[in-house]
Every structure is written in C-alpha cells, then in structure tokens.
C-alpha cells in the first residue's frame, strides 16, 4: 500500500512539474510572438512609399521570406514595377513590402489568413 502511494505521489509530482514547464514555454512563446507582431504592426505603419530596403530592414529586421516578383523573361522594363517583396510573418498574418529595381518601396501589403 505504501509503495502504491509513493508511486502515485511521484507520478503526480512529475505531472505537475511537466505541466508547469509546458505552461512556462507556452507563455514565453506567446509573449515572443506578440512582441514580434506588435513590432511589425507599428513599423508597417511607419514605412512609406519611397523608403529603401535598408530602412525597412532597420525597422523590422531581416524578412521571414524574400520573393522575386519580376518575370525576367518579360520584355517590359522593370522601372517602377515590383522586383522583390519582403514578407514578415505572424500567425495567420503577413506583411509585405514590394520594391522596385532601385530598392525603393512601391507598395505595402497586409494579408490575414493567407
């Protein structure tokens, strides 16, 4: 009987410890996610058409994804056309900055549930 109580107590203690660590990890992850999202949201509003890639990276950090949006097979000159888009991701959201060949912002995009 004592052995059963000791094993039950040890298992209960182990479950409480593991649950506690799981909660701490989840809270830490949520806080990190929330801080990243808030930084993107506030910086997105401050980036203006004509800003450089360097300005965007200074405000938001390195993009999560870089996408080529210019078709090199096209005969069109990419003067004011999108050449590259920097994407910043968050859970079910993404923010994009499209750049022309001079590396200047020509468009901003925010997608939800993309």
Protein backbone atom coordinates (compact mmCIF):
# COMPACT_ATOMS: atom_id res chain seq x y z
CA UNK A 1 0.00 0.00 0.00
CA UNK A 2 2.84 2.39 0.86
CA UNK A 3 4.52 1.63 -2.43
CA UNK A 4 1.31 2.46 -4.33
CA UNK A 5 1.04 5.82 -2.51
CA UNK A 6 4.69 6.62 -3.19
CA UNK A 7 4.34 5.82 -6.89
CA UNK A 8 1.10 7.83 -7.13
CA UNK A 9 2.72 10.78 -5.37
CA UNK A 10 5.81 10.59 -7.62
CA UNK A 11 3.69 10.42 -10.79
CA UNK A 12 1.51 13.32 -9.60
CA UNK A 13 4.60 15.37 -8.79
CA UNK A 14 6.08 14.60 -12.21
CA UNK A 15 2.84 15.59 -13.99
CA UNK A 16 2.73 18.89 -12.07
CA UNK A 17 6.37 19.68 -12.94
CA UNK A 18 5.94 18.82 -16.63
CA UNK A 19 2.68 20.82 -16.79
CA UNK A 20 4.38 23.80 -15.18
CA UNK A 21 7.24 23.76 -17.68
CA UNK A 22 4.76 23.39 -20.53
CA UNK A 23 2.86 26.45 -19.36
CA UNK A 24 6.08 28.46 -19.00
CA UNK A 25 7.17 27.53 -22.52
CA UNK A 26 3.73 28.39 -23.94
CA UNK A 27 3.67 31.78 -22.19
CA UNK A 28 7.19 32.55 -23.34
CA UNK A 29 6.33 31.60 -26.92
CA UNK A 30 3.14 33.69 -26.83
CA UNK A 31 4.99 36.72 -25.46
CA UNK A 32 7.67 36.38 -28.14
CA UNK A 33 5.02 36.04 -30.87
CA UNK A 34 3.08 39.01 -29.53
CA UNK A 35 6.20 41.21 -29.30
CA UNK A 36 7.16 40.35 -32.89
CA UNK A 37 3.64 41.06 -34.14
CA UNK A 38 3.46 44.40 -32.34
CA UNK A 39 6.83 45.43 -33.80
CA UNK A 40 5.66 44.55 -37.30
CA UNK A 41 2.33 46.37 -36.88
CA UNK A 42 3.90 49.58 -35.58
CA UNK A 43 6.73 49.55 -38.11
CA UNK A 44 4.41 48.73 -41.02
CA UNK A 45 2.54 51.98 -40.43
CA UNK A 46 5.78 53.99 -40.43
CA UNK A 47 7.23 52.62 -43.68
CA UNK A 48 6.32 54.89 -46.57
CA UNK A 49 6.47 54.62 -50.34
CA UNK A 50 9.97 55.60 -51.41
CA UNK A 51 11.71 54.22 -48.31
CA UNK A 52 14.70 51.97 -49.03
CA UNK A 53 15.21 48.26 -48.31
CA UNK A 54 17.76 49.31 -45.70
CA UNK A 55 15.14 51.40 -43.90
CA UNK A 56 12.68 48.50 -43.87
CA UNK A 57 15.30 46.10 -42.50
CA UNK A 58 16.39 48.63 -39.86
CA UNK A 59 12.80 48.97 -38.64
CA UNK A 60 11.65 45.36 -38.90
CA UNK A 61 14.79 43.22 -39.06
CA UNK A 62 15.51 40.61 -41.71
CA UNK A 63 12.41 39.42 -43.59
CA UNK A 64 10.99 35.96 -42.99
CA UNK A 65 10.73 35.45 -46.74
CA UNK A 66 12.02 37.21 -49.87
CA UNK A 67 10.02 36.78 -53.05
CA UNK A 68 11.03 37.67 -56.59
CA UNK A 69 8.06 39.34 -58.27
CA UNK A 70 9.61 40.36 -61.59
CA UNK A 71 9.45 37.99 -64.53
CA UNK A 72 12.90 38.17 -66.10
CA UNK A 73 11.51 36.60 -69.27
CA UNK A 74 9.27 39.63 -69.79
CA UNK A 75 10.24 42.28 -72.32
CA UNK A 76 8.96 45.02 -70.03
CA UNK A 77 11.47 47.32 -68.35
CA UNK A 78 11.02 46.96 -64.55
CA UNK A 79 11.39 50.72 -63.94
CA UNK A 80 8.58 51.15 -61.42
CA UNK A 81 7.46 47.55 -61.32
CA UNK A 82 7.86 45.17 -58.40
CA UNK A 83 11.20 43.39 -58.48
CA UNK A 84 11.23 41.91 -54.97
CA UNK A 85 8.91 41.61 -51.96
CA UNK A 86 9.99 41.25 -48.34
CA UNK A 87 7.49 39.28 -46.23
CA UNK A 88 7.19 39.43 -42.45
CA UNK A 89 5.07 36.63 -40.98
CA UNK A 90 2.97 36.14 -37.91
CA UNK A 91 0.33 33.52 -37.12
CA UNK A 92 -2.19 33.71 -39.99
CA UNK A 93 -0.93 37.16 -40.99
CA UNK A 94 1.79 38.53 -43.20
CA UNK A 95 3.00 41.99 -44.12
CA UNK A 96 4.77 42.67 -47.40
CA UNK A 97 6.91 45.47 -48.80
CA UNK A 98 7.39 45.50 -52.57
CA UNK A 99 10.49 47.14 -54.02
CA UNK A 100 11.36 48.47 -57.48
CA UNK A 101 14.73 47.92 -59.20
CA UNK A 102 16.21 50.84 -57.23
CA UNK A 103 15.35 49.14 -53.92
CA UNK A 104 12.61 51.63 -53.02
CA UNK A 105 9.23 50.70 -51.53
CA UNK A 106 6.48 50.93 -54.15
CA UNK A 107 3.71 49.08 -52.30
CA UNK A 108 2.76 47.65 -48.90
CA UNK A 109 0.50 44.66 -48.30
CA UNK A 110 -1.15 43.11 -45.26
CA UNK A 111 -2.80 39.69 -45.61
CA UNK A 112 -4.88 37.91 -42.98
CA UNK A 113 -5.43 34.14 -43.25
CA UNK A 114 -3.28 33.93 -46.34
